[in-house]
């Protein structure tokens, strides 16, 4: 989760720099990943 969301922050900065450039067009986006805690489950953490 931490890896993907860190990479996502870099991707947002990249987009902010690239999007205004003429002819650059759409910029790749790293989708958000959420951590869910399920204390009663035998696998307490999962991602969505």
ModelCIF file with pLDDT and N, C-alpha, C, O atoms, coordinates in Angstrom:
data_MODEL
#
_entry.id   MODEL 
#
_entity.id                         1 
_entity.type                       polymer 
_entity.pdbx_number_of_molecules   1 
#
_entity_poly.entity_id                      1 
_entity_poly.type                           'polypeptide(L)' 
_entity_poly.nstd_linkage                   no 
_entity_poly.nstd_monomer                   no 
_entity_poly.pdbx_seq_one_letter_code       
;(UNK)(UNK)(UNK)(UNK)(UNK)(UNK)(UNK)(UNK)(UNK)(UNK)(UNK)(UNK)(UNK)(UNK)(UNK)(UNK)
(UNK)(UNK)(UNK)(UNK)(UNK)(UNK)(UNK)(UNK)(UNK)(UNK)(UNK)(UNK)(UNK)(UNK)(UNK)(UNK)
(UNK)(UNK)(UNK)(UNK)(UNK)(UNK)(UNK)(UNK)(UNK)(UNK)(UNK)(UNK)(UNK)(UNK)(UNK)(UNK)
;
_entity_poly.pdbx_seq_one_letter_code_can   XXXXXXXXXXXXXXXXXXXXXXXXXXXXXXXXXXXXXXXXXXXXXXXX 
_entity_poly.pdbx_strand_id                 A 
#
loop_
_entity_poly_seq.entity_id 
_entity_poly_seq.num 
_entity_poly_seq.mon_id 
_entity_poly_seq.hetero 
1 1  UNK n 
1 2  UNK n 
1 3  UNK n 
1 4  UNK n 
1 5  UNK n 
1 6  UNK n 
1 7  UNK n 
1 8  UNK n 
1 9  UNK n 
1 10 UNK n 
1 11 UNK n 
1 12 UNK n 
1 13 UNK n 
1 14 UNK n 
1 15 UNK n 
1 16 UNK n 
1 17 UNK n 
1 18 UNK n 
1 19 UNK n 
1 20 UNK n 
1 21 UNK n 
1 22 UNK n 
1 23 UNK n 
1 24 UNK n 
1 25 UNK n 
1 26 UNK n 
1 27 UNK n 
1 28 UNK n 
1 29 UNK n 
1 30 UNK n 
1 31 UNK n 
1 32 UNK n 
1 33 UNK n 
1 34 UNK n 
1 35 UNK n 
1 36 UNK n 
1 37 UNK n 
1 38 UNK n 
1 39 UNK n 
1 40 UNK n 
1 41 UNK n 
1 42 UNK n 
1 43 UNK n 
1 44 UNK n 
1 45 UNK n 
1 46 UNK n 
1 47 UNK n 
1 48 UNK n 
#
_struct_asym.id          A 
_struct_asym.entity_id   1 
#
loop_
_ma_qa_metric.id 
_ma_qa_metric.mode 
_ma_qa_metric.name 
_ma_qa_metric.software_group_id 
_ma_qa_metric.type 
1 global pLDDT . pLDDT 
2 local  pLDDT . pLDDT 
#
_ma_qa_metric_global.metric_id      1 
_ma_qa_metric_global.metric_value   92.77 
_ma_qa_metric_global.model_id       1 
_ma_qa_metric_global.ordinal_id     1 
#
loop_
_ma_qa_metric_local.label_asym_id 
_ma_qa_metric_local.label_comp_id 
_ma_qa_metric_local.label_seq_id 
_ma_qa_metric_local.metric_id 
_ma_qa_metric_local.metric_value 
_ma_qa_metric_local.model_id 
_ma_qa_metric_local.ordinal_id 
A UNK 1  2 90.00 1 1  
A UNK 2  2 89.00 1 2  
A UNK 3  2 91.00 1 3  
A UNK 4  2 93.00 1 4  
A UNK 5  2 92.00 1 5  
A UNK 6  2 92.00 1 6  
A UNK 7  2 95.00 1 7  
A UNK 8  2 96.00 1 8  
A UNK 9  2 96.00 1 9  
A UNK 10 2 96.00 1 10 
A UNK 11 2 97.00 1 11 
A UNK 12 2 97.00 1 12 
A UNK 13 2 97.00 1 13 
A UNK 14 2 97.00 1 14 
A UNK 15 2 97.00 1 15 
A UNK 16 2 97.00 1 16 
A UNK 17 2 97.00 1 17 
A UNK 18 2 97.00 1 18 
A UNK 19 2 95.00 1 19 
A UNK 20 2 96.00 1 20 
A UNK 21 2 96.00 1 21 
A UNK 22 2 94.00 1 22 
A UNK 23 2 95.00 1 23 
A UNK 24 2 97.00 1 24 
A UNK 25 2 96.00 1 25 
A UNK 26 2 96.00 1 26 
A UNK 27 2 97.00 1 27 
A UNK 28 2 96.00 1 28 
A UNK 29 2 97.00 1 29 
A UNK 30 2 96.00 1 30 
A UNK 31 2 95.00 1 31 
A UNK 32 2 93.00 1 32 
A UNK 33 2 91.00 1 33 
A UNK 34 2 91.00 1 34 
A UNK 35 2 89.00 1 35 
A UNK 36 2 91.00 1 36 
A UNK 37 2 88.00 1 37 
A UNK 38 2 88.00 1 38 
A UNK 39 2 88.00 1 39 
A UNK 40 2 89.00 1 40 
A UNK 41 2 86.00 1 41 
A UNK 42 2 87.00 1 42 
A UNK 43 2 84.00 1 43 
A UNK 44 2 85.00 1 44 
A UNK 45 2 86.00 1 45 
A UNK 46 2 87.00 1 46 
A UNK 47 2 89.00 1 47 
A UNK 48 2 89.00 1 48 
#
loop_
_atom_site.group_PDB 
_atom_site.id 
_atom_site.type_symbol 
_atom_site.label_atom_id 
_atom_site.label_alt_id 
_atom_site.label_comp_id 
_atom_site.label_asym_id 
_atom_site.label_entity_id 
_atom_site.label_seq_id 
_atom_site.pdbx_PDB_ins_code 
_atom_site.Cartn_x 
_atom_site.Cartn_y 
_atom_site.Cartn_z 
_atom_site.occupancy 
_atom_site.B_iso_or_equiv 
_atom_site.pdbx_formal_charge 
_atom_site.auth_seq_id 
_atom_site.auth_comp_id 
_atom_site.auth_asym_id 
_atom_site.auth_atom_id 
_atom_site.pdbx_PDB_model_num 
ATOM 1   N N  . UNK A 1 1  ? 0.832   -1.204  0.000   1.00 90.00 ? 1  UNK A N  1 
ATOM 2   C CA . UNK A 1 1  ? 0.000   0.000   0.000   1.00 90.00 ? 1  UNK A CA 1 
ATOM 3   C C  . UNK A 1 1  ? 0.868   1.256   0.000   1.00 90.00 ? 1  UNK A C  1 
ATOM 4   O O  . UNK A 1 1  ? 0.622   2.209   -0.739  1.00 90.00 ? 1  UNK A O  1 
ATOM 5   N N  . UNK A 1 2  ? 1.883   1.224   0.847   1.00 89.00 ? 2  UNK A N  1 
ATOM 6   C CA . UNK A 1 2  ? 2.768   2.379   0.992   1.00 89.00 ? 2  UNK A CA 1 
ATOM 7   C C  . UNK A 1 2  ? 3.546   2.626   -0.306  1.00 89.00 ? 2  UNK A C  1 
ATOM 8   O O  . UNK A 1 2  ? 3.700   3.767   -0.743  1.00 89.00 ? 2  UNK A O  1 
ATOM 9   N N  . UNK A 1 3  ? 4.032   1.535   -0.913  1.00 91.00 ? 3  UNK A N  1 
ATOM 10  C CA . UNK A 1 3  ? 4.776   1.644   -2.170  1.00 91.00 ? 3  UNK A CA 1 
ATOM 11  C C  . UNK A 1 3  ? 3.894   2.278   -3.249  1.00 91.00 ? 3  UNK A C  1 
ATOM 12  O O  . UNK A 1 3  ? 4.286   3.243   -3.905  1.00 91.00 ? 3  UNK A O  1 
ATOM 13  N N  . UNK A 1 4  ? 2.700   1.716   -3.415  1.00 93.00 ? 4  UNK A N  1 
ATOM 14  C CA . UNK A 1 4  ? 1.841   2.214   -4.498  1.00 93.00 ? 4  UNK A CA 1 
ATOM 15  C C  . UNK A 1 4  ? 1.433   3.668   -4.268  1.00 93.00 ? 4  UNK A C  1 
ATOM 16  O O  . UNK A 1 4  ? 1.419   4.465   -5.207  1.00 93.00 ? 4  UNK A O  1 
ATOM 17  N N  . UNK A 1 5  ? 1.104   4.013   -3.037  1.00 92.00 ? 5  UNK A N  1 
ATOM 18  C CA . UNK A 1 5  ? 0.657   5.387   -2.782  1.00 92.00 ? 5  UNK A CA 1 
ATOM 19  C C  . UNK A 1 5  ? 1.813   6.390   -2.845  1.00 92.00 ? 5  UNK A C  1 
ATOM 20  O O  . UNK A 1 5  ? 1.598   7.558   -3.166  1.00 92.00 ? 5  UNK A O  1 
ATOM 21  N N  . UNK A 1 6  ? 3.045   5.940   -2.541  1.00 92.00 ? 6  UNK A N  1 
ATOM 22  C CA . UNK A 1 6  ? 4.217   6.811   -2.717  1.00 92.00 ? 6  UNK A CA 1 
ATOM 23  C C  . UNK A 1 6  ? 4.430   7.065   -4.211  1.00 92.00 ? 6  UNK A C  1 
ATOM 24  O O  . UNK A 1 6  ? 4.633   8.199   -4.644  1.00 92.00 ? 6  UNK A O  1 
ATOM 25  N N  . UNK A 1 7  ? 4.377   5.975   -4.986  1.00 95.00 ? 7  UNK A N  1 
ATOM 26  C CA . UNK A 1 7  ? 4.548   6.098   -6.437  1.00 95.00 ? 7  UNK A CA 1 
ATOM 27  C C  . UNK A 1 7  ? 3.457   6.990   -7.016  1.00 95.00 ? 7  UNK A C  1 
ATOM 28  O O  . UNK A 1 7  ? 3.697   7.764   -7.943  1.00 95.00 ? 7  UNK A O  1 
ATOM 29  N N  . UNK A 1 8  ? 2.247   6.872   -6.455  1.00 96.00 ? 8  UNK A N  1 
ATOM 30  C CA . UNK A 1 8  ? 1.115   7.683   -6.919  1.00 96.00 ? 8  UNK A CA 1 
ATOM 31  C C  . UNK A 1 8  ? 1.390   9.178   -6.723  1.00 96.00 ? 8  UNK A C  1 
ATOM 32  O O  . UNK A 1 8  ? 1.038   9.997   -7.572  1.00 96.00 ? 8  UNK A O  1 
ATOM 33  N N  . UNK A 1 9  ? 2.019   9.521   -5.600  1.00 96.00 ? 9  UNK A N  1 
ATOM 34  C CA . UNK A 1 9  ? 2.350   10.934  -5.342  1.00 96.00 ? 9  UNK A CA 1 
ATOM 35  C C  . UNK A 1 9  ? 3.347   11.448  -6.386  1.00 96.00 ? 9  UNK A C  1 
ATOM 36  O O  . UNK A 1 9  ? 3.217   12.571  -6.874  1.00 96.00 ? 9  UNK A O  1 
ATOM 37  N N  . UNK A 1 10 ? 4.344   10.619  -6.726  1.00 96.00 ? 10 UNK A N  1 
ATOM 38  C CA . UNK A 1 10 ? 5.293   11.013  -7.780  1.00 96.00 ? 10 UNK A CA 1 
ATOM 39  C C  . UNK A 1 10 ? 4.560   11.185  -9.113  1.00 96.00 ? 10 UNK A C  1 
ATOM 40  O O  . UNK A 1 10 ? 4.843   12.113  -9.871  1.00 96.00 ? 10 UNK A O  1 
ATOM 41  N N  . UNK A 1 11 ? 3.621   10.286  -9.386  1.00 97.00 ? 11 UNK A N  1 
ATOM 42  C CA . UNK A 1 11 ? 2.880   10.350  -10.654 1.00 97.00 ? 11 UNK A CA 1 
ATOM 43  C C  . UNK A 1 11 ? 2.067   11.637  -10.751 1.00 97.00 ? 11 UNK A C  1 
ATOM 44  O O  . UNK A 1 11 ? 1.913   12.198  -11.836 1.00 97.00 ? 11 UNK A O  1 
ATOM 45  N N  . UNK A 1 12 ? 1.544   12.108  -9.609  1.00 97.00 ? 12 UNK A N  1 
ATOM 46  C CA . UNK A 1 12 ? 0.765   13.366  -9.598  1.00 97.00 ? 12 UNK A CA 1 
ATOM 47  C C  . UNK A 1 12 ? 1.680   14.555  -9.909  1.00 97.00 ? 12 UNK A C  1 
ATOM 48  O O  . UNK A 1 12 ? 1.302   15.458  -10.656 1.00 97.00 ? 12 UNK A O  1 
ATOM 49  N N  . UNK A 1 13 ? 2.887   14.547  -9.329  1.00 97.00 ? 13 UNK A N  1 
ATOM 50  C CA . UNK A 1 13 ? 3.843   15.635  -9.588  1.00 97.00 ? 13 UNK A CA 1 
ATOM 51  C C  . UNK A 1 13 ? 4.271   15.621  -11.058 1.00 97.00 ? 13 UNK A C  1 
ATOM 52  O O  . UNK A 1 13 ? 4.408   16.665  -11.695 1.00 97.00 ? 13 UNK A O  1 
ATOM 53  N N  . UNK A 1 14 ? 4.478   14.416  -11.571 1.00 97.00 ? 14 UNK A N  1 
ATOM 54  C CA . UNK A 1 14 ? 4.847   14.230  -12.988 1.00 97.00 ? 14 UNK A CA 1 
ATOM 55  C C  . UNK A 1 14 ? 3.750   14.806  -13.883 1.00 97.00 ? 14 UNK A C  1 
ATOM 56  O O  . UNK A 1 14 ? 4.031   15.522  -14.845 1.00 97.00 ? 14 UNK A O  1 
ATOM 57  N N  . UNK A 1 15 ? 2.494   14.483  -13.553 1.00 97.00 ? 15 UNK A N  1 
ATOM 58  C CA . UNK A 1 15 ? 1.355   14.970  -14.345 1.00 97.00 ? 15 UNK A CA 1 
ATOM 59  C C  . UNK A 1 15 ? 1.287   16.491  -14.313 1.00 97.00 ? 15 UNK A C  1 
ATOM 60  O O  . UNK A 1 15 ? 1.014   17.132  -15.328 1.00 97.00 ? 15 UNK A O  1 
ATOM 61  N N  . UNK A 1 16 ? 1.538   17.061  -13.136 1.00 97.00 ? 16 UNK A N  1 
ATOM 62  C CA . UNK A 1 16 ? 1.460   18.526  -13.001 1.00 97.00 ? 16 UNK A CA 1 
ATOM 63  C C  . UNK A 1 16 ? 2.508   19.204  -13.888 1.00 97.00 ? 16 UNK A C  1 
ATOM 64  O O  . UNK A 1 16 ? 2.281   20.299  -14.402 1.00 97.00 ? 16 UNK A O  1 
ATOM 65  N N  . UNK A 1 17 ? 3.648   18.548  -14.061 1.00 97.00 ? 17 UNK A N  1 
ATOM 66  C CA . UNK A 1 17 ? 4.711   19.122  -14.893 1.00 97.00 ? 17 UNK A CA 1 
ATOM 67  C C  . UNK A 1 17 ? 4.488   18.841  -16.382 1.00 97.00 ? 17 UNK A C  1 
ATOM 68  O O  . UNK A 1 17 ? 4.793   19.678  -17.232 1.00 97.00 ? 17 UNK A O  1 
ATOM 69  N N  . UNK A 1 18 ? 3.956   17.660  -16.687 1.00 97.00 ? 18 UNK A N  1 
ATOM 70  C CA . UNK A 1 18 ? 3.836   17.238  -18.091 1.00 97.00 ? 18 UNK A CA 1 
ATOM 71  C C  . UNK A 1 18 ? 2.572   17.758  -18.775 1.00 97.00 ? 18 UNK A C  1 
ATOM 72  O O  . UNK A 1 18 ? 2.618   18.152  -19.940 1.00 97.00 ? 18 UNK A O  1 
ATOM 73  N N  . UNK A 1 19 ? 1.448   17.761  -18.061 1.00 95.00 ? 19 UNK A N  1 
ATOM 74  C CA . UNK A 1 19 ? 0.172   18.119  -18.703 1.00 95.00 ? 19 UNK A CA 1 
ATOM 75  C C  . UNK A 1 19 ? 0.175   19.481  -19.387 1.00 95.00 ? 19 UNK A C  1 
ATOM 76  O O  . UNK A 1 19 ? -0.363  19.595  -20.489 1.00 95.00 ? 19 UNK A O  1 
ATOM 77  N N  . UNK A 1 20 ? 0.767   20.537  -18.777 1.00 96.00 ? 20 UNK A N  1 
ATOM 78  C CA . UNK A 1 20 ? 0.716   21.839  -19.436 1.00 96.00 ? 20 UNK A CA 1 
ATOM 79  C C  . UNK A 1 20 ? 1.565   21.917  -20.717 1.00 96.00 ? 20 UNK A C  1 
ATOM 80  O O  . UNK A 1 20 ? 1.423   22.864  -21.491 1.00 96.00 ? 20 UNK A O  1 
ATOM 81  N N  . UNK A 1 21 ? 2.448   20.926  -20.945 1.00 96.00 ? 21 UNK A N  1 
ATOM 82  C CA . UNK A 1 21 ? 3.319   21.001  -22.115 1.00 96.00 ? 21 UNK A CA 1 
ATOM 83  C C  . UNK A 1 21 ? 2.526   20.746  -23.387 1.00 96.00 ? 21 UNK A C  1 
ATOM 84  O O  . UNK A 1 21 ? 1.721   19.818  -23.460 1.00 96.00 ? 21 UNK A O  1 
ATOM 85  N N  . UNK A 1 22 ? 2.765   21.574  -24.371 1.00 94.00 ? 22 UNK A N  1 
ATOM 86  C CA . UNK A 1 22 ? 2.025   21.445  -25.627 1.00 94.00 ? 22 UNK A CA 1 
ATOM 87  C C  . UNK A 1 22 ? 2.340   20.107  -26.287 1.00 94.00 ? 22 UNK A C  1 
ATOM 88  O O  . UNK A 1 22 ? 3.502   19.756  -26.491 1.00 94.00 ? 22 UNK A O  1 
ATOM 89  N N  . UNK A 1 23 ? 1.287   19.371  -26.614 1.00 95.00 ? 23 UNK A N  1 
ATOM 90  C CA . UNK A 1 23 ? 1.469   18.109  -27.325 1.00 95.00 ? 23 UNK A CA 1 
ATOM 91  C C  . UNK A 1 23 ? 1.749   16.911  -26.429 1.00 95.00 ? 23 UNK A C  1 
ATOM 92  O O  . UNK A 1 23 ? 1.867   15.792  -26.926 1.00 95.00 ? 23 UNK A O  1 
ATOM 93  N N  . UNK A 1 24 ? 1.858   17.119  -25.112 1.00 97.00 ? 24 UNK A N  1 
ATOM 94  C CA . UNK A 1 24 ? 2.157   15.962  -24.245 1.00 97.00 ? 24 UNK A CA 1 
ATOM 95  C C  . UNK A 1 24 ? 0.925   15.060  -24.127 1.00 97.00 ? 24 UNK A C  1 
ATOM 96  O O  . UNK A 1 24 ? 1.023   13.838  -24.244 1.00 97.00 ? 24 UNK A O  1 
ATOM 97  N N  . UNK A 1 25 ? -0.231  15.681  -23.894 1.00 96.00 ? 25 UNK A N  1 
ATOM 98  C CA . UNK A 1 25 ? -1.471  14.890  -23.829 1.00 96.00 ? 25 UNK A CA 1 
ATOM 99  C C  . UNK A 1 25 ? -1.659  14.204  -22.483 1.00 96.00 ? 25 UNK A C  1 
ATOM 100 O O  . UNK A 1 25 ? -1.142  14.650  -21.458 1.00 96.00 ? 25 UNK A O  1 
ATOM 101 N N  . UNK A 1 26 ? -2.408  13.114  -22.510 1.00 96.00 ? 26 UNK A N  1 
ATOM 102 C CA . UNK A 1 26 ? -2.778  12.398  -21.280 1.00 96.00 ? 26 UNK A CA 1 
ATOM 103 C C  . UNK A 1 26 ? -1.542  11.845  -20.575 1.00 96.00 ? 26 UNK A C  1 
ATOM 104 O O  . UNK A 1 26 ? -0.582  11.424  -21.221 1.00 96.00 ? 26 UNK A O  1 
ATOM 105 N N  . UNK A 1 27 ? -1.580  11.851  -19.253 1.00 97.00 ? 27 UNK A N  1 
ATOM 106 C CA . UNK A 1 27 ? -0.438  11.395  -18.463 1.00 97.00 ? 27 UNK A CA 1 
ATOM 107 C C  . UNK A 1 27 ? -0.844  10.143  -17.684 1.00 97.00 ? 27 UNK A C  1 
ATOM 108 O O  . UNK A 1 27 ? -1.950  10.089  -17.147 1.00 97.00 ? 27 UNK A O  1 
ATOM 109 N N  . UNK A 1 28 ? 0.040   9.129   -17.612 1.00 96.00 ? 28 UNK A N  1 
ATOM 110 C CA . UNK A 1 28 ? -0.318  7.926   -16.836 1.00 96.00 ? 28 UNK A CA 1 
ATOM 111 C C  . UNK A 1 28 ? -0.630  8.266   -15.377 1.00 96.00 ? 28 UNK A C  1 
ATOM 112 O O  . UNK A 1 28 ? -0.057  9.186   -14.792 1.00 96.00 ? 28 UNK A O  1 
ATOM 113 N N  . UNK A 1 29 ? -1.543  7.504   -14.824 1.00 97.00 ? 29 UNK A N  1 
ATOM 114 C CA . UNK A 1 29 ? -1.976  7.733   -13.433 1.00 97.00 ? 29 UNK A CA 1 
ATOM 115 C C  . UNK A 1 29 ? -1.844  6.415   -12.685 1.00 97.00 ? 29 UNK A C  1 
ATOM 116 O O  . UNK A 1 29 ? -2.209  5.363   -13.210 1.00 97.00 ? 29 UNK A O  1 
ATOM 117 N N  . UNK A 1 30 ? -1.331  6.465   -11.477 1.00 96.00 ? 30 UNK A N  1 
ATOM 118 C CA . UNK A 1 30 ? -1.258  5.261   -10.637 1.00 96.00 ? 30 UNK A CA 1 
ATOM 119 C C  . UNK A 1 30 ? -2.488  5.297   -9.731  1.00 96.00 ? 30 UNK A C  1 
ATOM 120 O O  . UNK A 1 30 ? -2.678  6.241   -8.965  1.00 96.00 ? 30 UNK A O  1 
ATOM 121 N N  . UNK A 1 31 ? -3.305  4.275   -9.826  1.00 95.00 ? 31 UNK A N  1 
ATOM 122 C CA . UNK A 1 31 ? -4.571  4.325   -9.085  1.00 95.00 ? 31 UNK A CA 1 
ATOM 123 C C  . UNK A 1 31 ? -4.323  4.172   -7.586  1.00 95.00 ? 31 UNK A C  1 
ATOM 124 O O  . UNK A 1 31 ? -3.317  3.615   -7.146  1.00 95.00 ? 31 UNK A O  1 
ATOM 125 N N  . UNK A 1 32 ? -5.279  4.687   -6.831  1.00 93.00 ? 32 UNK A N  1 
ATOM 126 C CA . UNK A 1 32 ? -5.133  4.665   -5.373  1.00 93.00 ? 32 UNK A CA 1 
ATOM 127 C C  . UNK A 1 32 ? -5.423  3.266   -4.836  1.00 93.00 ? 32 UNK A C  1 
ATOM 128 O O  . UNK A 1 32 ? -6.287  2.551   -5.344  1.00 93.00 ? 32 UNK A O  1 
ATOM 129 N N  . UNK A 1 33 ? -4.690  2.904   -3.811  1.00 91.00 ? 33 UNK A N  1 
ATOM 130 C CA . UNK A 1 33 ? -4.916  1.605   -3.175  1.00 91.00 ? 33 UNK A CA 1 
ATOM 131 C C  . UNK A 1 33 ? -5.234  1.890   -1.697  1.00 91.00 ? 33 UNK A C  1 
ATOM 132 O O  . UNK A 1 33 ? -4.539  2.662   -1.038  1.00 91.00 ? 33 UNK A O  1 
ATOM 133 N N  . UNK A 1 34 ? -6.282  1.260   -1.204  1.00 91.00 ? 34 UNK A N  1 
ATOM 134 C CA . UNK A 1 34 ? -6.724  1.511   0.179   1.00 91.00 ? 34 UNK A CA 1 
ATOM 135 C C  . UNK A 1 34 ? -6.443  0.288   1.034   1.00 91.00 ? 34 UNK A C  1 
ATOM 136 O O  . UNK A 1 34 ? -6.614  -0.853  0.603   1.00 91.00 ? 34 UNK A O  1 
ATOM 137 N N  . UNK A 1 35 ? -6.008  0.557   2.253   1.00 89.00 ? 35 UNK A N  1 
ATOM 138 C CA . UNK A 1 35 ? -5.756  -0.513  3.204   1.00 89.00 ? 35 UNK A CA 1 
ATOM 139 C C  . UNK A 1 35 ? -6.987  -0.656  4.080   1.00 89.00 ? 35 UNK A C  1 
ATOM 140 O O  . UNK A 1 35 ? -7.466  0.326   4.648   1.00 89.00 ? 35 UNK A O  1 
ATOM 141 N N  . UNK A 1 36 ? -7.506  -1.880  4.192   1.00 91.00 ? 36 UNK A N  1 
ATOM 142 C CA . UNK A 1 36 ? -8.622  -2.053  5.132   1.00 91.00 ? 36 UNK A CA 1 
ATOM 143 C C  . UNK A 1 36 ? -8.211  -3.024  6.238   1.00 91.00 ? 36 UNK A C  1 
ATOM 144 O O  . UNK A 1 36 ? -7.523  -4.017  6.000   1.00 91.00 ? 36 UNK A O  1 
ATOM 145 N N  . UNK A 1 37 ? -8.648  -2.708  7.429   1.00 88.00 ? 37 UNK A N  1 
ATOM 146 C CA . UNK A 1 37 ? -8.307  -3.511  8.598   1.00 88.00 ? 37 UNK A CA 1 
ATOM 147 C C  . UNK A 1 37 ? -9.549  -4.286  9.004   1.00 88.00 ? 37 UNK A C  1 
ATOM 148 O O  . UNK A 1 37 ? -10.612 -3.714  9.248   1.00 88.00 ? 37 UNK A O  1 
ATOM 149 N N  . UNK A 1 38 ? -9.386  -5.623  9.071   1.00 88.00 ? 38 UNK A N  1 
ATOM 150 C CA . UNK A 1 38 ? -10.531 -6.468  9.462   1.00 88.00 ? 38 UNK A CA 1 
ATOM 151 C C  . UNK A 1 38 ? -10.104 -7.286  10.680  1.00 88.00 ? 38 UNK A C  1 
ATOM 152 O O  . UNK A 1 38 ? -9.662  -8.427  10.539  1.00 88.00 ? 38 UNK A O  1 
ATOM 153 N N  . UNK A 1 39 ? -10.234 -6.708  11.873  1.00 88.00 ? 39 UNK A N  1 
ATOM 154 C CA . UNK A 1 39 ? -9.683  -7.366  13.071  1.00 88.00 ? 39 UNK A CA 1 
ATOM 155 C C  . UNK A 1 39 ? -10.217 -8.775  13.305  1.00 88.00 ? 39 UNK A C  1 
ATOM 156 O O  . UNK A 1 39 ? -9.497  -9.621  13.836  1.00 88.00 ? 39 UNK A O  1 
ATOM 157 N N  . UNK A 1 40 ? -11.462 -9.045  12.920  1.00 89.00 ? 40 UNK A N  1 
ATOM 158 C CA . UNK A 1 40 ? -12.043 -10.364 13.201  1.00 89.00 ? 40 UNK A CA 1 
ATOM 159 C C  . UNK A 1 40 ? -11.574 -11.426 12.201  1.00 89.00 ? 40 UNK A C  1 
ATOM 160 O O  . UNK A 1 40 ? -11.768 -12.621 12.429  1.00 89.00 ? 40 UNK A O  1 
ATOM 161 N N  . UNK A 1 41 ? -10.965 -10.999 11.107  1.00 86.00 ? 41 UNK A N  1 
ATOM 162 C CA . UNK A 1 41 ? -10.591 -11.932 10.049  1.00 86.00 ? 41 UNK A CA 1 
ATOM 163 C C  . UNK A 1 41 ? -9.214  -12.517 10.339  1.00 86.00 ? 41 UNK A C  1 
ATOM 164 O O  . UNK A 1 41 ? -8.374  -11.869 10.963  1.00 86.00 ? 41 UNK A O  1 
ATOM 165 N N  . UNK A 1 42 ? -8.986  -13.766 9.872   1.00 87.00 ? 42 UNK A N  1 
ATOM 166 C CA . UNK A 1 42 ? -7.649  -14.340 10.114  1.00 87.00 ? 42 UNK A CA 1 
ATOM 167 C C  . UNK A 1 42 ? -6.568  -13.687 9.240   1.00 87.00 ? 42 UNK A C  1 
ATOM 168 O O  . UNK A 1 42 ? -5.380  -13.837 9.522   1.00 87.00 ? 42 UNK A O  1 
ATOM 169 N N  . UNK A 1 43 ? -6.966  -12.964 8.184   1.00 84.00 ? 43 UNK A N  1 
ATOM 170 C CA . UNK A 1 43 ? -6.016  -12.104 7.459   1.00 84.00 ? 43 UNK A CA 1 
ATOM 171 C C  . UNK A 1 43 ? -6.479  -10.674 7.754   1.00 84.00 ? 43 UNK A C  1 
ATOM 172 O O  . UNK A 1 43 ? -7.368  -10.160 7.077   1.00 84.00 ? 43 UNK A O  1 
ATOM 173 N N  . UNK A 1 44 ? -5.871  -10.023 8.775   1.00 85.00 ? 44 UNK A N  1 
ATOM 174 C CA . UNK A 1 44 ? -6.441  -8.767  9.276   1.00 85.00 ? 44 UNK A CA 1 
ATOM 175 C C  . UNK A 1 44 ? -6.343  -7.566  8.335   1.00 85.00 ? 44 UNK A C  1 
ATOM 176 O O  . UNK A 1 44 ? -7.125  -6.622  8.454   1.00 85.00 ? 44 UNK A O  1 
ATOM 177 N N  . UNK A 1 45 ? -5.371  -7.594  7.385   1.00 86.00 ? 45 UNK A N  1 
ATOM 178 C CA . UNK A 1 45 ? -5.236  -6.450  6.482   1.00 86.00 ? 45 UNK A CA 1 
ATOM 179 C C  . UNK A 1 45 ? -5.477  -6.885  5.042   1.00 86.00 ? 45 UNK A C  1 
ATOM 180 O O  . UNK A 1 45 ? -5.054  -7.963  4.623   1.00 86.00 ? 45 UNK A O  1 
ATOM 181 N N  . UNK A 1 46 ? -6.150  -6.046  4.312   1.00 87.00 ? 46 UNK A N  1 
ATOM 182 C CA . UNK A 1 46 ? -6.357  -6.321  2.889   1.00 87.00 ? 46 UNK A CA 1 
ATOM 183 C C  . UNK A 1 46 ? -6.325  -4.987  2.157   1.00 87.00 ? 46 UNK A C  1 
ATOM 184 O O  . UNK A 1 46 ? -6.421  -3.923  2.768   1.00 87.00 ? 46 UNK A O  1 
ATOM 185 N N  . UNK A 1 47 ? -6.189  -5.064  0.841   1.00 89.00 ? 47 UNK A N  1 
ATOM 186 C CA . UNK A 1 47 ? -6.204  -3.817  0.063   1.00 89.00 ? 47 UNK A CA 1 
ATOM 187 C C  . UNK A 1 47 ? -7.393  -3.827  -0.895  1.00 89.00 ? 47 UNK A C  1 
ATOM 188 O O  . UNK A 1 47 ? -7.848  -4.874  -1.355  1.00 89.00 ? 47 UNK A O  1 
ATOM 189 N N  . UNK A 1 48 ? -7.868  -2.634  -1.170  1.00 89.00 ? 48 UNK A N  1 
ATOM 190 C CA . UNK A 1 48 ? -8.990  -2.474  -2.092  1.00 89.00 ? 48 UNK A CA 1 
ATOM 191 C C  . UNK A 1 48 ? -8.576  -1.426  -3.110  1.00 89.00 ? 48 UNK A C  1 
ATOM 192 O O  . UNK A 1 48 ? -9.350  -1.100  -4.010  1.00 89.00 ? 48 UNK A O  1 
#
